[in-house]
Structure formats: C-alpha cells, structure tokens
C-alpha cells in the first residue's frame, strides 16, 4: 500500500524525484519540505510532489517516460489557502497569473500551507 508522505529532507524523496528536484533547484536555494499530492483515483509512488524551498514552490511529476515541472516564486504568490472538505482537501495558490489547486490529504495540507506562509513572511522581512 502506498501512502501520501511528507518529506522533511531532500534525501527522503524517492530517487527519481530527488534527482529531478536537485536539477531544478538553484545553487543558493534551500530545501524546506515536500509533500505528495493526489493525482487521479489511484495512490502511486509516481504522484506529483509539491516541493517548498526558501524561494519557491516547485510542482514535480516524474513518470517512467516523461516528467513535468512547474514553479511558483514565493514573491509572486499573493495568497495560499488550505480548503478542507469531507473527502478532498485542496491547497489553492493565487497570485499574479497564478490560480492553481492541488489535492492533498488533510494531514499534509495544513502543515505545508503553514510552512509556505512562514517562508513568505521570512522573504518579506529580508
């Protein structure tokens, strides 16, 4: 059985994702945490990951044949919301040209949202 995980260290990510995340991160960027997101009905080790660094959020999906990524600068995000539902919870990112939802589990969504807000506050004070 595959469960949705929270990764507190870059080395905790599955090898395929760790390799892709390292190639996407800048030299001066620091990994904060990552979580699995829900994709479809089936739990899989290939579910997309939301990776939080000190500068941005990176959405990574790494499959057998192709990989996808999308990144959001923390400075461009104006709002991050965690919406808890009966069956599905979502993280909603909004900002300049950003309006995306990611399905997550209840136990992972709230801590991730709080960590993003903390990083955004740190960026504003610098």
Foldseek 3Di string as FASTA:
>chain_A
DDDKDKAQDLVPQPPQVSVVVVVVDDPPKAWGIKIFFDDPDDDDSQGWMWTDILFWTKIWGDDPPDIDIDIDGLVFWPDWDWADDPPWIWIFTDGDVGTDITTDDPVPRPVVRVVSVVSSVVVVVD
